Amino acid sequence: MKINLKEFSQDIQVIKYCQKVLADNSETKALSRKLNRVLRFMEEVEADLEMAGESIPELDMPRLEAIAERDKAMRFMNNEDDI
């Protein structure tokens, strides 16, 4: 199985946003806490991918190229850079 690091990072950002929205509502606050555990796991997987961890499936492109593409996408998503 291959993982696209850029898409994986974008998914993490979407989950962070959803978690924030859920945390603001008292009825869904418990769900937000559960989502936080999933988020921590995904961030751990992302870090392992960056470090070329052997326990994780390979990236869909060379590691350094995947990290550069992910970083560029994250800067764009966070309005730090114009692509």
PDB file of N, CA and C in Angstrom:
ATOM      1  N   MET A   1       0.851  -1.179   0.000  1.00  0.00           N
ATOM      2  CA  MET A   1       0.000   0.000   0.000  1.00  0.00           C
ATOM      3  C   MET A   1       0.890   1.233   0.000  1.00  0.00           C
ATOM      4  N   LYS A   2       0.505   2.223  -0.773  1.00  0.00           N
ATOM      5  CA  LYS A   2       1.272   3.468  -0.832  1.00  0.00           C
ATOM      6  C   LYS A   2       0.425   4.606  -0.279  1.00  0.00           C
ATOM      7  N   ILE A   3       1.091   5.562   0.359  1.00  0.00           N
ATOM      8  CA  ILE A   3       0.408   6.697   0.989  1.00  0.00           C
ATOM      9  C   ILE A   3       0.916   7.986   0.367  1.00  0.00           C
ATOM     10  N   ASN A   4       0.006   8.876   0.024  1.00  0.00           N
ATOM     11  CA  ASN A   4       0.365  10.203  -0.452  1.00  0.00           C
ATOM     12  C   ASN A   4       0.438  11.109   0.769  1.00  0.00           C
ATOM     13  N   LEU A   5       1.635  11.552   1.118  1.00  0.00           N
ATOM     14  CA  LEU A   5       1.845  12.335   2.341  1.00  0.00           C
ATOM     15  C   LEU A   5       1.086  13.654   2.307  1.00  0.00           C
ATOM     16  N   LYS A   6       1.013  14.277   1.141  1.00  0.00           N
ATOM     17  CA  LYS A   6       0.302  15.550   1.012  1.00  0.00           C
ATOM     18  C   LYS A   6      -1.184  15.361   1.324  1.00  0.00           C
ATOM     19  N   GLU A   7      -1.805  14.344   0.730  1.00  0.00           N
ATOM     20  CA  GLU A   7      -3.221  14.089   0.987  1.00  0.00           C
ATOM     21  C   GLU A   7      -3.447  13.682   2.440  1.00  0.00           C
ATOM     22  N   PHE A   8      -2.524  12.907   2.993  1.00  0.00           N
ATOM     23  CA  PHE A   8      -2.632  12.475   4.379  1.00  0.00           C
ATOM     24  C   PHE A   8      -2.603  13.686   5.312  1.00  0.00           C
ATOM     25  N   SER A   9      -1.705  14.628   5.041  1.00  0.00           N
ATOM     26  CA  SER A   9      -1.609  15.845   5.850  1.00  0.00           C
ATOM     27  C   SER A   9      -2.849  16.709   5.709  1.00  0.00           C
ATOM     28  N   GLN A  10      -3.397  16.775   4.506  1.00  0.00           N
ATOM     29  CA  GLN A  10      -4.626  17.533   4.299  1.00  0.00           C
ATOM     30  C   GLN A  10      -5.777  16.903   5.081  1.00  0.00           C
ATOM     31  N   ASP A  11      -5.823  15.569   5.109  1.00  0.00           N
ATOM     32  CA  ASP A  11      -6.854  14.881   5.890  1.00  0.00           C
ATOM     33  C   ASP A  11      -6.728  15.218   7.369  1.00  0.00           C
ATOM     34  N   ILE A  12      -5.504  15.299   7.860  1.00  0.00           N
ATOM     35  CA  ILE A  12      -5.283  15.657   9.261  1.00  0.00           C
ATOM     36  C   ILE A  12      -5.826  17.064   9.535  1.00  0.00           C
ATOM     37  N   GLN A  13      -5.574  17.994   8.619  1.00  0.00           N
ATOM     38  CA  GLN A  13      -6.063  19.364   8.798  1.00  0.00           C
ATOM     39  C   GLN A  13      -7.592  19.410   8.818  1.00  0.00           C
ATOM     40  N   VAL A  14      -8.234  18.619   7.968  1.00  0.00           N
ATOM     41  CA  VAL A  14      -9.696  18.567   7.929  1.00  0.00           C
ATOM     42  C   VAL A  14     -10.236  18.007   9.242  1.00  0.00           C
ATOM     43  N   ILE A  15      -9.594  16.961   9.750  1.00  0.00           N
ATOM     44  CA  ILE A  15     -10.039  16.372  11.014  1.00  0.00           C
ATOM     45  C   ILE A  15      -9.846  17.358  12.161  1.00  0.00           C
ATOM     46  N   LYS A  16      -8.748  18.109  12.150  1.00  0.00           N
ATOM     47  CA  LYS A  16      -8.535  19.130  13.186  1.00  0.00           C
ATOM     48  C   LYS A  16      -9.657  20.159  13.161  1.00  0.00           C
ATOM     49  N   TYR A  17     -10.060  20.579  11.966  1.00  0.00           N
ATOM     50  CA  TYR A  17     -11.154  21.549  11.851  1.00  0.00           C
ATOM     51  C   TYR A  17     -12.459  20.945  12.377  1.00  0.00           C
ATOM     52  N   CYS A  18     -12.746  19.715  11.975  1.00  0.00           N
ATOM     53  CA  CYS A  18     -13.968  19.050  12.441  1.00  0.00           C
ATOM     54  C   CYS A  18     -13.970  18.900  13.958  1.00  0.00           C
ATOM     55  N   GLN A  19     -12.814  18.561  14.502  1.00  0.00           N
ATOM     56  CA  GLN A  19     -12.706  18.414  15.952  1.00  0.00           C
ATOM     57  C   GLN A  19     -12.999  19.740  16.648  1.00  0.00           C
ATOM     58  N   LYS A  20     -12.491  20.826  16.104  1.00  0.00           N
ATOM     59  CA  LYS A  20     -12.720  22.145  16.694  1.00  0.00           C
ATOM     60  C   LYS A  20     -14.210  22.494  16.671  1.00  0.00           C
ATOM     61  N   VAL A  21     -14.861  22.206  15.559  1.00  0.00           N
ATOM     62  CA  VAL A  21     -16.301  22.481  15.434  1.00  0.00           C
ATOM     63  C   VAL A  21     -17.085  21.638  16.432  1.00  0.00           C
ATOM     64  N   LEU A  22     -16.718  20.366  16.546  1.00  0.00           N
ATOM     65  CA  LEU A  22     -17.414  19.480  17.477  1.00  0.00           C
ATOM     66  C   LEU A  22     -17.182  19.893  18.931  1.00  0.00           C
ATOM     67  N   ALA A  23     -16.001  20.393  19.243  1.00  0.00           N
ATOM     68  CA  ALA A  23     -15.682  20.794  20.620  1.00  0.00           C
ATOM     69  C   ALA A  23     -16.482  22.016  21.048  1.00  0.00           C
ATOM     70  N   ASP A  24     -16.877  22.844  20.083  1.00  0.00           N
ATOM     71  CA  ASP A  24     -17.630  24.054  20.411  1.00  0.00           C
ATOM     72  C   ASP A  24     -19.090  23.775  20.778  1.00  0.00           C
ATOM     73  N   ASN A  25     -19.572  22.585  20.472  1.00  0.00           N
ATOM     74  CA  ASN A  25     -20.955  22.224  20.757  1.00  0.00           C
ATOM     75  C   ASN A  25     -20.970  21.253  21.933  1.00  0.00           C
ATOM     76  N   SER A  26     -21.739  21.562  22.957  1.00  0.00           N
ATOM     77  CA  SER A  26     -21.753  20.721  24.153  1.00  0.00           C
ATOM     78  C   SER A  26     -22.275  19.312  23.878  1.00  0.00           C
ATOM     79  N   GLU A  27     -23.128  19.145  22.889  1.00  0.00           N
ATOM     80  CA  GLU A  27     -23.681  17.824  22.576  1.00  0.00           C
ATOM     81  C   GLU A  27     -22.658  16.918  21.892  1.00  0.00           C
ATOM     82  N   THR A  28     -21.684  17.503  21.237  1.00  0.00           N
ATOM     83  CA  THR A  28     -20.702  16.702  20.489  1.00  0.00           C
ATOM     84  C   THR A  28     -19.299  16.774  21.083  1.00  0.00           C
ATOM     85  N   LYS A  29     -19.182  17.341  22.262  1.00  0.00           N
ATOM     86  CA  LYS A  29     -17.860  17.498  22.895  1.00  0.00           C
ATOM     87  C   LYS A  29     -17.193  16.141  23.139  1.00  0.00           C
ATOM     88  N   ALA A  30     -17.956  15.128  23.535  1.00  0.00           N
ATOM     89  CA  ALA A  30     -17.380  13.798  23.768  1.00  0.00           C
ATOM     90  C   ALA A  30     -16.850  13.205  22.465  1.00  0.00           C
ATOM     91  N   LEU A  31     -17.555  13.417  21.388  1.00  0.00           N
ATOM     92  CA  LEU A  31     -17.099  12.937  20.084  1.00  0.00           C
ATOM     93  C   LEU A  31     -15.796  13.631  19.685  1.00  0.00           C
ATOM     94  N   SER A  32     -15.670  14.887  20.049  1.00  0.00           N
ATOM     95  CA  SER A  32     -14.449  15.638  19.766  1.00  0.00           C
ATOM     96  C   SER A  32     -13.255  15.010  20.473  1.00  0.00           C
ATOM     97  N   ARG A  33     -13.456  14.566  21.700  1.00  0.00           N
ATOM     98  CA  ARG A  33     -12.362  13.927  22.446  1.00  0.00           C
ATOM     99  C   ARG A  33     -11.966  12.605  21.796  1.00  0.00           C
ATOM    100  N   LYS A  34     -12.938  11.841  21.318  1.00  0.00           N
ATOM    101  CA  LYS A  34     -12.644  10.580  20.623  1.00  0.00           C
ATOM    102  C   LYS A  34     -11.874  10.869  19.328  1.00  0.00           C
ATOM    103  N   LEU A  35     -12.280  11.903  18.623  1.00  0.00           N
ATOM    104  CA  LEU A  35     -11.624  12.283  17.380  1.00  0.00           C
ATOM    105  C   LEU A  35     -10.182  12.721  17.641  1.00  0.00           C
ATOM    106  N   ASN A  36      -9.937  13.279  18.815  1.00  0.00           N
ATOM    107  CA  ASN A  36      -8.585  13.695  19.176  1.00  0.00           C
ATOM    108  C   ASN A  36      -7.643  12.502  19.229  1.00  0.00           C
ATOM    109  N   ARG A  37      -8.119  11.350  19.689  1.00  0.00           N
ATOM    110  CA  ARG A  37      -7.275  10.152  19.727  1.00  0.00           C
ATOM    111  C   ARG A  37      -6.906   9.701  18.316  1.00  0.00           C
ATOM    112  N   VAL A  38      -7.871   9.762  17.406  1.00  0.00           N
ATOM    113  CA  VAL A  38      -7.603   9.407  16.010  1.00  0.00           C
ATOM    114  C   VAL A  38      -6.586  10.380  15.419  1.00  0.00           C
ATOM    115  N   LEU A  39      -6.756  11.635  15.742  1.00  0.00           N
ATOM    116  CA  LEU A  39      -5.863  12.677  15.250  1.00  0.00           C
ATOM    117  C   LEU A  39      -4.433  12.465  15.739  1.00  0.00           C
ATOM    118  N   ARG A  40      -4.263  12.156  17.004  1.00  0.00           N
ATOM    119  CA  ARG A  40      -2.922  11.891  17.545  1.00  0.00           C
ATOM    120  C   ARG A  40      -2.275  10.707  16.837  1.00  0.00           C
ATOM    121  N   PHE A  41      -3.066   9.665  16.568  1.00  0.00           N
ATOM    122  CA  PHE A  41      -2.541   8.509  15.857  1.00  0.00           C
ATOM    123  C   PHE A  41      -2.094   8.894  14.445  1.00  0.00           C
ATOM    124  N   MET A  42      -2.915   9.659  13.756  1.00  0.00           N
ATOM    125  CA  MET A  42      -2.577  10.074  12.393  1.00  0.00           C
ATOM    126  C   MET A  42      -1.309  10.937  12.388  1.00  0.00           C
ATOM    127  N   GLU A  43      -1.159  11.801  13.371  1.00  0.00           N
ATOM    128  CA  GLU A  43       0.039  12.630  13.455  1.00  0.00           C
ATOM    129  C   GLU A  43       1.276  11.774  13.733  1.00  0.00           C
ATOM    130  N   GLU A  44       1.112  10.724  14.530  1.00  0.00           N
ATOM    131  CA  GLU A  44       2.217   9.813  14.796  1.00  0.00           C
ATOM    132  C   GLU A  44       2.613   9.067  13.515  1.00  0.00           C
ATOM    133  N   VAL A  45       1.634   8.638  12.742  1.00  0.00           N
ATOM    134  CA  VAL A  45       1.896   7.968  11.472  1.00  0.00           C
ATOM    135  C   VAL A  45       2.607   8.933  10.519  1.00  0.00           C
ATOM    136  N   GLU A  46       2.140  10.188  10.483  1.00  0.00           N
ATOM    137  CA  GLU A  46       2.761  11.184   9.615  1.00  0.00           C
ATOM    138  C   GLU A  46       4.231  11.383   9.992  1.00  0.00           C
ATOM    139  N   ALA A  47       4.518  11.488  11.276  1.00  0.00           N
ATOM    140  CA  ALA A  47       5.909  11.661  11.722  1.00  0.00           C
ATOM    141  C   ALA A  47       6.746  10.449  11.346  1.00  0.00           C
ATOM    142  N   ASP A  48       6.171   9.262  11.488  1.00  0.00           N
ATOM    143  CA  ASP A  48       6.895   8.048  11.128  1.00  0.00           C
ATOM    144  C   ASP A  48       7.165   8.002   9.626  1.00  0.00           C
ATOM    145  N   LEU A  49       6.218   8.470   8.828  1.00  0.00           N
ATOM    146  CA  LEU A  49       6.423   8.526   7.384  1.00  0.00           C
ATOM    147  C   LEU A  49       7.567   9.480   7.034  1.00  0.00           C
ATOM    148  N   GLU A  50       7.614  10.616   7.718  1.00  0.00           N
ATOM    149  CA  GLU A  50       8.675  11.585   7.469  1.00  0.00           C
ATOM    150  C   GLU A  50      10.040  11.023   7.822  1.00  0.00           C
ATOM    151  N   MET A  51      10.084  10.220   8.856  1.00  0.00           N
ATOM    152  CA  MET A  51      11.354   9.650   9.301  1.00  0.00           C
ATOM    153  C   MET A  51      11.667   8.345   8.577  1.00  0.00           C
ATOM    154  N   ALA A  52      10.836   7.982   7.592  1.00  0.00           N
ATOM    155  CA  ALA A  52      10.999   6.745   6.814  1.00  0.00           C
ATOM    156  C   ALA A  52      10.923   5.522   7.710  1.00  0.00           C
ATOM    157  N   GLY A  53       9.945   5.519   8.595  1.00  0.00           N
ATOM    158  CA  GLY A  53       9.750   4.387   9.494  1.00  0.00           C
ATOM    159  C   GLY A  53       9.484   3.103   8.732  1.00  0.00           C
ATOM    160  N   GLU A  54      10.079   2.036   9.180  1.00  0.00           N
ATOM    161  CA  GLU A  54       9.956   0.764   8.489  1.00  0.00           C
ATOM    162  C   GLU A  54       8.627   0.079   8.759  1.00  0.00           C
ATOM    163  N   SER A  55       7.929   0.484   9.800  1.00  0.00           N
ATOM    164  CA  SER A  55       6.676  -0.176  10.137  1.00  0.00           C
ATOM    165  C   SER A  55       5.490   0.392   9.368  1.00  0.00           C
ATOM    166  N   ILE A  56       5.729   1.422   8.596  1.00  0.00           N
ATOM    167  CA  ILE A  56       4.656   2.108   7.877  1.00  0.00           C
ATOM    168  C   ILE A  56       4.760   1.809   6.385  1.00  0.00           C
ATOM    169  N   PRO A  57       3.631   1.664   5.696  1.00  0.00           N
ATOM    170  CA  PRO A  57       3.671   1.458   4.245  1.00  0.00           C
ATOM    171  C   PRO A  57       4.409   2.598   3.550  1.00  0.00           C
ATOM    172  N   GLU A  58       4.953   2.319   2.395  1.00  0.00           N
ATOM    173  CA  GLU A  58       5.783   3.294   1.701  1.00  0.00           C
ATOM    174  C   GLU A  58       4.970   4.443   1.120  1.00  0.00           C
ATOM    175  N   LEU A  59       5.646   5.557   0.922  1.00  0.00           N
ATOM    176  CA  LEU A  59       5.040   6.719   0.302  1.00  0.00           C
ATOM    177  C   LEU A  59       4.870   6.482  -1.188  1.00  0.00           C
ATOM    178  N   ASP A  60       4.029   7.263  -1.834  1.00  0.00           N
ATOM    179  CA  ASP A  60       3.800   7.083  -3.261  1.00  0.00           C
ATOM    180  C   ASP A  60       4.869   7.752  -4.124  1.00  0.00           C
ATOM    181  N   MET A  61       5.851   8.392  -3.491  1.00  0.00           N
ATOM    182  CA  MET A  61       6.965   9.016  -4.207  1.00  0.00           C
ATOM    183  C   MET A  61       8.144   9.063  -3.243  1.00  0.00           C
ATOM    184  N   PRO A  62       9.334   9.436  -3.701  1.00  0.00           N
ATOM    185  CA  PRO A  62      10.472   9.508  -2.784  1.00  0.00           C
ATOM    186  C   PRO A  62      10.158  10.380  -1.557  1.00  0.00           C
ATOM    187  N   ARG A  63      10.683   9.969  -0.425  1.00  0.00           N
ATOM    188  CA  ARG A  63      10.334  10.586   0.862  1.00  0.00           C
ATOM    189  C   ARG A  63      10.563  12.093   0.896  1.00  0.00           C
ATOM    190  N   LEU A  64      11.728  12.566   0.505  1.00  0.00           N
ATOM    191  CA  LEU A  64      12.013  14.002   0.584  1.00  0.00           C
ATOM    192  C   LEU A  64      11.115  14.797  -0.364  1.00  0.00           C
ATOM    193  N   GLU A  65      10.845  14.238  -1.534  1.00  0.00           N
ATOM    194  CA  GLU A  65       9.943  14.899  -2.485  1.00  0.00           C
ATOM    195  C   GLU A  65       8.524  14.963  -1.921  1.00  0.00           C
ATOM    196  N   ALA A  66       8.093  13.893  -1.273  1.00  0.00           N
ATOM    197  CA  ALA A  66       6.756  13.854  -0.672  1.00  0.00           C
ATOM    198  C   ALA A  66       6.641  14.876   0.459  1.00  0.00           C
ATOM    199  N   ILE A  67       7.690  15.000   1.268  1.00  0.00           N
ATOM    200  CA  ILE A  67       7.682  15.963   2.369  1.00  0.00           C
ATOM    201  C   ILE A  67       7.634  17.388   1.829  1.00  0.00           C
ATOM    202  N   ALA A  68       8.409  17.675   0.783  1.00  0.00           N
ATOM    203  CA  ALA A  68       8.405  19.022   0.184  1.00  0.00           C
ATOM    204  C   ALA A  68       7.032  19.357  -0.398  1.00  0.00           C
ATOM    205  N   GLU A  69       6.400  18.398  -1.061  1.00  0.00           N
ATOM    206  CA  GLU A  69       5.070  18.628  -1.631  1.00  0.00           C
ATOM    207  C   GLU A  69       4.039  18.858  -0.530  1.00  0.00           C
ATOM    208  N   ARG A  70       4.145  18.073   0.535  1.00  0.00           N
ATOM    209  CA  ARG A  70       3.220  18.230   1.664  1.00  0.00           C
ATOM    210  C   ARG A  70       3.389  19.603   2.304  1.00  0.00           C
ATOM    211  N   ASP A  71       4.643  20.018   2.532  1.00  0.00           N
ATOM    212  CA  ASP A  71       4.910  21.319   3.142  1.00  0.00           C
ATOM    213  C   ASP A  71       4.353  22.457   2.302  1.00  0.00           C
ATOM    214  N   LYS A  72       4.511  22.364   1.003  1.00  0.00           N
ATOM    215  CA  LYS A  72       3.993  23.381   0.086  1.00  0.00           C
ATOM    216  C   LYS A  72       2.470  23.453   0.182  1.00  0.00           C
ATOM    217  N   ALA A  73       1.814  22.302   0.240  1.00  0.00           N
ATOM    218  CA  ALA A  73       0.354  22.271   0.357  1.00  0.00           C
ATOM    219  C   ALA A  73      -0.107  22.842   1.699  1.00  0.00           C
ATOM    220  N   MET A  74       0.637  22.547   2.770  1.00  0.00           N
ATOM    221  CA  MET A  74       0.256  23.047   4.093  1.00  0.00           C
ATOM    222  C   MET A  74       0.412  24.565   4.172  1.00  0.00           C
ATOM    223  N   ARG A  75       1.467  25.112   3.552  1.00  0.00           N
ATOM    224  CA  ARG A  75       1.634  26.566   3.530  1.00  0.00           C
ATOM    225  C   ARG A  75       0.463  27.216   2.791  1.00  0.00           C
ATOM    226  N   PHE A  76       0.044  26.604   1.714  1.00  0.00           N
ATOM    227  CA  PHE A  76      -1.075  27.140   0.953  1.00  0.00           C
ATOM    228  C   PHE A  76      -2.370  27.069   1.769  1.00  0.00           C
ATOM    229  N   MET A  77      -2.613  25.940   2.422  1.00  0.00           N
ATOM    230  CA  MET A  77      -3.833  25.762   3.221  1.00  0.00           C
ATOM    231  C   MET A  77      -3.877  26.743   4.385  1.00  0.00           C
ATOM    232  N   ASN A  78      -2.724  27.071   4.923  1.00  0.00           N
ATOM    233  CA  ASN A  78      -2.659  27.984   6.069  1.00  0.00           C
ATOM    234  C   ASN A  78      -2.451  29.428   5.643  1.00  0.00           C
ATOM    235  N   ASN A  79      -2.621  29.706   4.349  1.00  0.00           N
ATOM    236  CA  ASN A  79      -2.493  31.057   3.777  1.00  0.00           C
ATOM    237  C   ASN A  79      -1.132  31.689   4.042  1.00  0.00           C
ATOM    238  N   GLU A  80      -0.092  30.865   4.119  1.00  0.00           N
ATOM    239  CA  GLU A  80       1.244  31.377   4.350  1.00  0.00           C
ATOM    240  C   GLU A  80       2.002  31.594   3.040  1.00  0.00           C
ATOM    241  N   ASP A  81       1.488  31.020   1.960  1.00  0.00           N
ATOM    242  CA  ASP A  81       2.209  31.078   0.694  1.00  0.00           C
ATOM    243  C   ASP A  81       1.194  31.042  -0.439  1.00  0.00           C
ATOM    244  N   ASP A  82       1.487  31.729  -1.503  1.00  0.00           N
ATOM    245  CA  ASP A  82       0.642  31.692  -2.693  1.00  0.00           C
ATOM    246  C   ASP A  82       1.286  30.773  -3.704  1.00  0.00           C
ATOM    247  N   ILE A  83       0.530  29.766  -4.115  1.00  0.00           N
ATOM    248  CA  ILE A  83       1.054  28.797  -5.073  1.00  0.00           C
ATOM    249  C   ILE A  83       0.561  29.178  -6.465  1.00  0.00           C
TER     250      ILE A  83
END
